[in-house]
């Protein structure tokens, strides 16, 4: 077909987002019903029972509140932050897109970290920005000294996830403070804390660390992980001031968070005890899994999340096929330089046992292959 229509070259050249395989797709591919979905970092314990009760009040024929007033008020009370500095999104992913749209111009520069969350690259590039990815250390920790030096280039936005997705470690308070001190006044610091609740009491609270910094900043959090609402898609941005919040709000779509998600998030916030109990069980399983992964001789950096990032020592796509044949979905990492890594979500104990058994089988197969050379 002959046409002179041209697509936006910024979008046409974007890398695909590395999404986890859907359970239904896995069932069709394997013929198995017993699928352990350990790719997308969902909460294996689901959500608070309060959520189901709240959803009984849904009126599907009515539009949702475009301002998410009740949810912003609930978060304002929990966080002690004015509601006019909180923006609610269709997952924190929408907030990344809105921040990029609000703050970037063609040929702006964005600094982020590699390995990193794909949308920290995809959304800026879609808006015509150049993305510079600064590497973590060889043992996959944050290179604070290197990041401080990289910030001297005065990027328009600095995206940093702590705890790291996909790697797992979190910045210590001292490291975060060093970075905050180094962020130029011209830079919008976007601290992605999607896994904040899994850090425990020892991890820094980015909102508290940033509130007296004098910087323009956004802290991102979500209900998808610890609160178990991944299917309803609700996250939020905490902005340094009303001006930044208003710009983000203007850059999102109206009625962006559906009524069910808003009701569910408020109900989830009202049951913090349930969330903390689920997180404690996940953390205990995470530590058990990490010990066994290490005992098998595989490298996995310290994780302060609900997943592990494991170097399986050969192609992650082949490893994905191995686990899928056992009815287990993991995420093969495809970022250049990390193609031997998989990311596995901490599931229920029985699911984790299945994963560890399959990992041990993978190790045995690798050892036999090496012995046969």
Protein backbone atom coordinates (compact mmCIF):
# COMPACT_ATOMS: atom_id res chain seq x y z
CA UNK A 1 0.00 0.00 0.00
CA UNK A 2 1.37 3.42 -0.96
CA UNK A 3 1.07 6.18 1.65
CA UNK A 4 2.95 9.27 2.73
CA UNK A 5 1.76 8.96 6.33
CA UNK A 6 4.66 8.80 8.79
CA UNK A 7 4.65 7.35 12.28
CA UNK A 8 6.29 9.13 15.20
CA UNK A 9 9.90 7.88 14.89
CA UNK A 10 10.37 8.13 18.67
CA UNK A 11 7.61 5.56 19.19
CA UNK A 12 8.43 3.38 16.20
CA UNK A 13 11.93 2.72 17.53
CA UNK A 14 10.98 1.89 21.13
CA UNK A 15 12.08 -1.43 22.63
CA UNK A 16 9.18 -3.72 23.61
CA UNK A 17 8.17 -3.86 27.25
CA UNK A 18 9.18 -7.18 28.81
CA UNK A 19 5.85 -8.33 30.26
CA UNK A 20 5.42 -11.62 32.07
CA UNK A 21 3.51 -14.46 30.41
CA UNK A 22 -0.20 -14.64 31.22
CA UNK A 23 -1.45 -17.72 33.10
CA UNK A 24 -4.01 -18.58 30.41
CA UNK A 25 -1.32 -18.43 27.72
CA UNK A 26 0.94 -20.66 29.81
CA UNK A 27 -1.86 -23.19 30.23
CA UNK A 28 -2.46 -23.26 26.48
CA UNK A 29 1.25 -23.67 25.71
CA UNK A 30 1.93 -26.39 28.27
CA UNK A 31 -1.40 -28.19 28.57
CA UNK A 32 -1.01 -27.91 32.35
CA UNK A 33 -3.51 -26.46 34.81
CA UNK A 34 -1.08 -26.22 37.74
CA UNK A 35 0.66 -23.03 36.65
CA UNK A 36 2.80 -21.15 39.20
CA UNK A 37 2.82 -17.53 38.01
CA UNK A 38 6.15 -16.22 39.31
CA UNK A 39 6.98 -13.57 36.71
CA UNK A 40 5.07 -10.39 37.51
CA UNK A 41 5.73 -9.76 41.22
CA UNK A 42 2.10 -10.09 42.29
CA UNK A 43 1.19 -10.72 45.92
CA UNK A 44 0.58 -14.50 46.24
CA UNK A 45 -1.75 -13.87 49.18
CA UNK A 46 -4.11 -11.70 47.14
CA UNK A 47 -5.67 -8.66 48.77
CA UNK A 48 -7.40 -7.78 52.02
CA UNK A 49 -10.92 -9.26 52.48
CA UNK A 50 -12.03 -5.65 52.97
CA UNK A 51 -11.51 -5.09 49.26
CA UNK A 52 -14.18 -7.60 48.20
CA UNK A 53 -16.66 -6.01 50.60
CA UNK A 54 -15.91 -2.55 49.24
CA UNK A 55 -16.39 -3.64 45.63
CA UNK A 56 -19.99 -4.56 46.38
CA UNK A 57 -20.71 -0.82 46.31
CA UNK A 58 -19.63 -0.32 42.68
CA UNK A 59 -22.01 1.43 40.27
CA UNK A 60 -20.67 0.40 36.83
CA UNK A 61 -22.95 2.81 34.97
CA UNK A 62 -21.36 5.86 36.61
CA UNK A 63 -18.04 7.48 35.76
CA UNK A 64 -15.36 7.33 38.41
CA UNK A 65 -14.26 10.44 40.29
CA UNK A 66 -11.65 11.98 37.96
CA UNK A 67 -9.88 13.58 40.94
CA UNK A 68 -9.80 10.36 43.03
CA UNK A 69 -10.79 12.54 45.99
CA UNK A 70 -11.47 9.83 48.57
CA UNK A 71 -8.29 7.94 47.78
CA UNK A 72 -6.12 11.08 47.78
CA UNK A 73 -7.65 12.10 51.12
CA UNK A 74 -6.95 8.64 52.56
CA UNK A 75 -3.33 8.77 51.36
CA UNK A 76 -2.98 12.32 52.63
CA UNK A 77 -3.96 11.17 56.11
CA UNK A 78 -1.67 8.13 56.00
CA UNK A 79 1.37 9.98 54.63
CA UNK A 80 0.80 13.38 56.27
CA UNK A 81 1.13 14.98 52.83
CA UNK A 82 -1.36 17.56 51.46
CA UNK A 83 -3.80 15.93 49.04
CA UNK A 84 -2.99 18.51 46.36
CA UNK A 85 0.51 17.00 46.10
CA UNK A 86 -0.80 13.48 45.38
CA UNK A 87 -1.77 12.26 41.90
CA UNK A 88 -3.44 8.89 41.37
CA UNK A 89 -2.65 6.81 38.30
CA UNK A 90 -3.76 3.71 36.43
CA UNK A 91 -0.81 1.94 38.02
CA UNK A 92 2.42 3.79 38.72
CA UNK A 93 3.26 3.09 35.06
CA UNK A 94 0.79 5.81 34.02
CA UNK A 95 2.52 8.19 36.40
CA UNK A 96 5.87 7.49 34.68
CA UNK A 97 4.25 8.34 31.36
CA UNK A 98 2.62 11.49 32.75
CA UNK A 99 5.85 12.67 34.39
CA UNK A 100 7.70 12.18 31.11
CA UNK A 101 5.04 14.07 29.16
CA UNK A 102 4.96 16.89 31.69
CA UNK A 103 8.72 17.41 32.10
CA UNK A 104 10.44 16.45 28.85
CA UNK A 105 11.02 18.23 25.58
CA UNK A 106 12.52 16.79 22.40
CA UNK A 107 16.24 16.20 22.93
CA UNK A 108 15.99 16.37 26.74
CA UNK A 109 18.29 13.96 28.58
CA UNK A 110 17.13 11.41 31.13
CA UNK A 111 19.43 9.52 33.48
CA UNK A 112 18.52 6.11 34.86
CA UNK A 113 20.17 2.88 35.98
CA UNK A 114 20.86 -0.43 34.27
CA UNK A 115 19.64 -3.09 34.80
CA UNK A 116 16.43 -1.11 35.17
CA UNK A 117 12.68 -0.91 34.81
CA UNK A 118 11.85 -0.76 31.12
CA UNK A 119 9.39 2.12 31.32
CA UNK A 120 12.05 4.41 32.78
CA UNK A 121 13.55 4.21 29.28
CA UNK A 122 10.49 3.67 27.08
CA UNK A 123 8.36 6.61 28.24
CA UNK A 124 11.14 9.25 28.00
CA UNK A 125 12.16 8.00 24.56
CA UNK A 126 8.54 8.14 23.41
CA UNK A 127 8.67 11.85 24.24
CA UNK A 128 11.84 12.38 22.20
CA UNK A 129 14.33 12.34 25.08
CA UNK A 130 17.77 10.77 25.08
CA UNK A 131 18.17 8.16 27.83
CA UNK A 132 21.53 7.55 29.50
CA UNK A 133 21.69 4.34 31.55
CA UNK A 134 24.33 4.21 34.27
CA UNK A 135 25.40 0.67 35.26
CA UNK A 136 25.20 -0.87 38.70
CA UNK A 137 28.42 -2.29 40.14
CA UNK A 138 29.78 -5.70 39.08
CA UNK A 139 28.10 -7.29 42.10
CA UNK A 140 24.83 -5.48 41.25
CA UNK A 141 24.73 -2.81 43.90
CA UNK A 142 24.03 0.88 43.41
CA UNK A 143 27.15 2.77 42.32
CA UNK A 144 26.47 5.85 44.42
CA UNK A 145 29.78 7.52 43.58
CA UNK A 146 29.24 6.96 39.88
CA UNK A 147 25.65 8.21 39.98
CA UNK A 148 26.72 11.35 41.82
CA UNK A 149 29.24 12.01 39.04
CA UNK A 150 26.69 11.28 36.31
CA UNK A 151 24.26 13.78 37.82
CA UNK A 152 26.71 16.58 37.02
CA UNK A 153 25.40 16.43 33.46
CA UNK A 154 22.15 17.97 34.78
CA UNK A 155 19.60 15.61 33.19
CA UNK A 156 16.00 16.81 32.88
CA UNK A 157 14.79 13.75 34.82
CA UNK A 158 16.64 11.24 36.96
CA UNK A 159 14.66 7.97 37.29
CA UNK A 160 15.83 5.71 40.11
CA UNK A 161 14.03 2.67 41.49
CA UNK A 162 14.92 1.80 45.08
CA UNK A 163 14.38 -1.01 45.88
CA UNK A 164 15.67 -1.81 42.42
CA UNK A 165 13.48 -3.46 39.82
CA UNK A 166 14.68 -5.90 38.47
CA UNK A 167 17.72 -6.41 40.71
CA UNK A 168 16.35 -6.12 44.25
CA UNK A 169 18.70 -4.09 46.49
CA UNK A 170 17.65 -0.81 48.10
CA UNK A 171 19.75 2.23 48.79
CA UNK A 172 20.75 2.67 52.41
CA UNK A 173 19.79 5.97 54.02
CA UNK A 174 23.33 7.33 53.68
CA UNK A 175 23.50 6.44 49.99
CA UNK A 176 20.13 8.01 49.25
CA UNK A 177 21.16 11.18 51.05
CA UNK A 178 24.38 11.39 49.01
CA UNK A 179 22.35 11.13 45.82
CA UNK A 180 19.78 13.70 46.97
CA UNK A 181 22.60 16.13 47.72
CA UNK A 182 23.98 15.60 44.20
CA UNK A 183 20.74 16.10 42.25
CA UNK A 184 20.94 19.45 40.41
CA UNK A 185 18.20 22.02 40.96
CA UNK A 186 17.44 21.78 37.23
CA UNK A 187 16.64 18.04 37.49
CA UNK A 188 13.35 16.38 38.42
CA UNK A 189 14.22 13.44 40.68
CA UNK A 190 11.76 10.56 40.23
CA UNK A 191 12.25 7.97 42.97
CA UNK A 192 10.32 4.82 42.13
CA UNK A 193 9.43 3.04 45.39
CA UNK A 194 7.07 0.40 44.00
CA UNK A 195 8.52 -2.15 46.47
CA UNK A 196 8.81 0.22 49.44
CA UNK A 197 6.73 -1.94 51.80
CA UNK A 198 9.12 -4.90 51.46
CA UNK A 199 12.14 -2.95 52.75
CA UNK A 200 11.28 -3.17 56.41
CA UNK A 201 12.05 -0.61 59.09
CA UNK A 202 15.71 -0.31 58.08
CA UNK A 203 15.02 1.08 54.62
CA UNK A 204 14.82 4.85 54.06
CA UNK A 205 11.49 6.53 53.41
CA UNK A 206 12.03 8.51 50.23
CA UNK A 207 9.19 10.91 50.94
CA UNK A 208 10.66 11.87 54.31
CA UNK A 209 14.21 12.11 52.97
CA UNK A 210 13.16 14.38 50.11
CA UNK A 211 10.65 16.69 51.78
CA UNK A 212 13.28 19.12 53.09
CA UNK A 213 15.67 18.77 50.11
CA UNK A 214 14.48 21.81 48.17
CA UNK A 215 14.43 19.65 45.02
CA UNK A 216 11.71 19.15 42.47
CA UNK A 217 10.82 15.48 42.96
CA UNK A 218 8.23 12.75 42.51
CA UNK A 219 8.04 9.59 44.62
CA UNK A 220 6.13 6.74 42.97
CA UNK A 221 4.33 4.01 44.89
CA UNK A 222 1.75 1.38 43.99
CA UNK A 223 -1.05 -0.82 45.28
CA UNK A 224 -0.09 -3.61 42.87
CA UNK A 225 2.55 -5.32 45.01
CA UNK A 226 2.20 -5.32 48.79
CA UNK A 227 -1.53 -4.52 48.73
CA UNK A 228 -2.35 -7.22 46.15
CA UNK A 229 -4.29 -5.05 43.68
CA UNK A 230 -2.26 -5.70 40.52
CA UNK A 231 -5.36 -6.50 38.45
CA UNK A 232 -7.09 -3.23 39.32
CA UNK A 233 -4.17 -0.97 38.30
CA UNK A 234 -3.80 1.80 40.84
CA UNK A 235 -0.61 3.64 41.80
CA UNK A 236 0.24 7.16 42.89
CA UNK A 237 2.75 9.95 42.67
CA UNK A 238 3.77 12.16 45.61
CA UNK A 239 5.09 15.45 44.24
CA UNK A 240 7.41 17.96 45.84
CA UNK A 241 4.86 20.74 45.41
CA UNK A 242 1.46 21.55 44.00
CA UNK A 243 2.93 22.90 40.74
CA UNK A 244 4.63 19.59 39.90
CA UNK A 245 1.51 17.64 40.91
CA UNK A 246 -0.70 19.84 38.71
CA UNK A 247 1.58 19.29 35.71
CA UNK A 248 1.47 15.51 36.18
CA UNK A 249 -2.30 15.60 36.59
CA UNK A 250 -2.67 17.62 33.39
CA UNK A 251 -0.57 15.08 31.50
CA UNK A 252 -2.74 12.07 32.38
CA UNK A 253 -6.10 11.12 30.90
CA UNK A 254 -9.39 12.07 32.62
CA UNK A 255 -11.23 9.29 34.48
CA UNK A 256 -7.93 7.41 34.41
CA UNK A 257 -8.54 5.29 37.53
CA UNK A 258 -11.74 3.29 37.47
CA UNK A 259 -14.23 3.34 40.32
CA UNK A 260 -13.48 -0.23 41.41
CA UNK A 261 -9.78 0.54 41.74
CA UNK A 262 -10.44 3.67 43.79
CA UNK A 263 -12.78 1.86 46.20
CA UNK A 264 -10.43 -1.10 46.50
CA UNK A 265 -7.38 1.05 47.25
CA UNK A 266 -9.18 2.93 50.02
CA UNK A 267 -10.32 -0.36 51.54
CA UNK A 268 -6.80 -1.79 51.29
CA UNK A 269 -5.34 1.23 53.08
CA UNK A 270 -7.80 0.69 55.91
CA UNK A 271 -6.42 -2.82 56.49
CA UNK A 272 -2.71 -2.19 57.00
CA UNK A 273 -2.50 -5.14 59.38
CA UNK A 274 -3.42 -7.53 56.56
CA UNK A 275 -0.82 -5.99 54.25
CA UNK A 276 1.94 -6.15 56.85
CA UNK A 277 1.12 -9.81 57.58
CA UNK A 278 1.28 -10.73 53.88
CA UNK A 279 4.55 -8.84 53.43
CA UNK A 280 6.12 -10.60 56.44
CA UNK A 281 5.29 -14.00 54.94
CA UNK A 282 6.70 -12.98 51.55
CA UNK A 283 9.91 -11.67 53.13
CA UNK A 284 10.41 -14.89 55.10
CA UNK A 285 9.99 -16.94 51.90
CA UNK A 286 12.29 -14.59 50.01
CA UNK A 287 15.08 -15.20 52.49
CA UNK A 288 14.52 -18.96 52.40
CA UNK A 289 14.64 -18.97 48.60
CA UNK A 290 17.76 -16.79 48.54
CA UNK A 291 19.61 -19.23 50.82
CA UNK A 292 18.74 -22.20 48.62
CA UNK A 293 19.60 -20.38 45.40
CA UNK A 294 23.02 -19.58 46.86
CA UNK A 295 23.46 -23.16 48.06
CA UNK A 296 22.94 -24.33 44.47
CA UNK A 297 25.84 -22.12 43.41
CA UNK A 298 23.82 -19.44 41.61
CA UNK A 299 24.38 -15.72 42.12
CA UNK A 300 21.43 -13.58 43.21
CA UNK A 301 22.06 -10.08 44.62
CA UNK A 302 20.49 -9.07 47.90
CA UNK A 303 16.79 -8.39 47.47
CA UNK A 304 14.58 -6.01 49.44
CA UNK A 305 11.58 -6.76 47.23
CA UNK A 306 9.23 -9.68 46.57
CA UNK A 307 11.46 -11.26 43.91
CA UNK A 308 14.96 -12.56 43.20
CA UNK A 309 17.21 -11.72 40.22
CA UNK A 310 19.21 -14.86 39.47
CA UNK A 311 22.12 -15.44 37.11
CA UNK A 312 21.37 -18.91 35.72
CA UNK A 313 24.67 -18.93 33.80
CA UNK A 314 23.17 -19.48 30.36
CA UNK A 315 20.55 -18.04 28.04
CA UNK A 316 17.56 -16.80 30.03
CA UNK A 317 15.19 -17.76 27.20
CA UNK A 318 16.27 -21.40 27.47
CA UNK A 319 15.86 -21.20 31.25
CA UNK A 320 12.36 -19.76 30.76
CA UNK A 321 11.45 -22.76 28.58
CA UNK A 322 12.83 -25.12 31.22
CA UNK A 323 10.69 -23.62 33.97
CA UNK A 324 7.62 -23.38 31.76
CA UNK A 325 7.89 -27.10 31.03
CA UNK A 326 7.47 -27.54 34.81
CA UNK A 327 4.41 -25.26 34.83
CA UNK A 328 6.30 -22.28 36.26
CA UNK A 329 6.34 -18.81 34.70
CA UNK A 330 9.47 -16.74 35.37
CA UNK A 331 10.67 -13.62 33.56
CA UNK A 332 13.73 -14.00 31.34
CA UNK A 333 15.72 -10.77 31.39
CA UNK A 334 16.53 -9.39 27.94
CA UNK A 335 18.44 -6.19 28.73
CA UNK A 336 21.83 -6.20 26.99
CA UNK A 337 24.51 -7.59 29.27
CA UNK A 338 22.03 -9.44 31.51
CA UNK A 339 20.65 -12.10 29.17
CA UNK A 340 21.65 -14.89 31.57
CA UNK A 341 19.41 -13.57 34.35
CA UNK A 342 15.86 -14.47 35.27
CA UNK A 343 13.59 -12.67 37.69
CA UNK A 344 11.38 -14.87 39.86
CA UNK A 345 8.56 -13.68 42.10
CA UNK A 346 8.26 -15.00 45.64
CA UNK A 347 5.08 -17.07 45.59
CA UNK A 348 3.33 -19.32 48.05
CA UNK A 349 5.63 -21.80 49.83
CA UNK A 350 4.52 -24.72 47.65
CA UNK A 351 5.11 -22.69 44.48
CA UNK A 352 8.53 -21.67 45.71
CA UNK A 353 9.38 -25.30 46.41
CA UNK A 354 8.43 -26.19 42.83
CA UNK A 355 10.67 -23.42 41.53
CA UNK A 356 13.60 -24.49 43.69
CA UNK A 357 13.21 -28.11 42.59
CA UNK A 358 13.18 -27.03 38.94
CA UNK A 359 16.20 -24.81 39.56
CA UNK A 360 18.08 -27.73 41.10
CA UNK A 361 17.19 -29.80 38.03
CA UNK A 362 18.49 -27.00 35.79
CA UNK A 363 21.73 -26.97 37.77
CA UNK A 364 22.11 -30.73 37.48
CA UNK A 365 21.61 -30.54 33.73
CA UNK A 366 24.23 -27.80 33.43
CA UNK A 367 26.70 -29.82 35.50
CA UNK A 368 26.17 -32.91 33.33
CA UNK A 369 26.64 -30.81 30.20
CA UNK A 370 29.93 -29.44 31.48
CA UNK A 371 31.10 -32.90 32.53
CA UNK A 372 30.42 -34.21 29.03
CA UNK A 373 32.67 -31.66 27.33
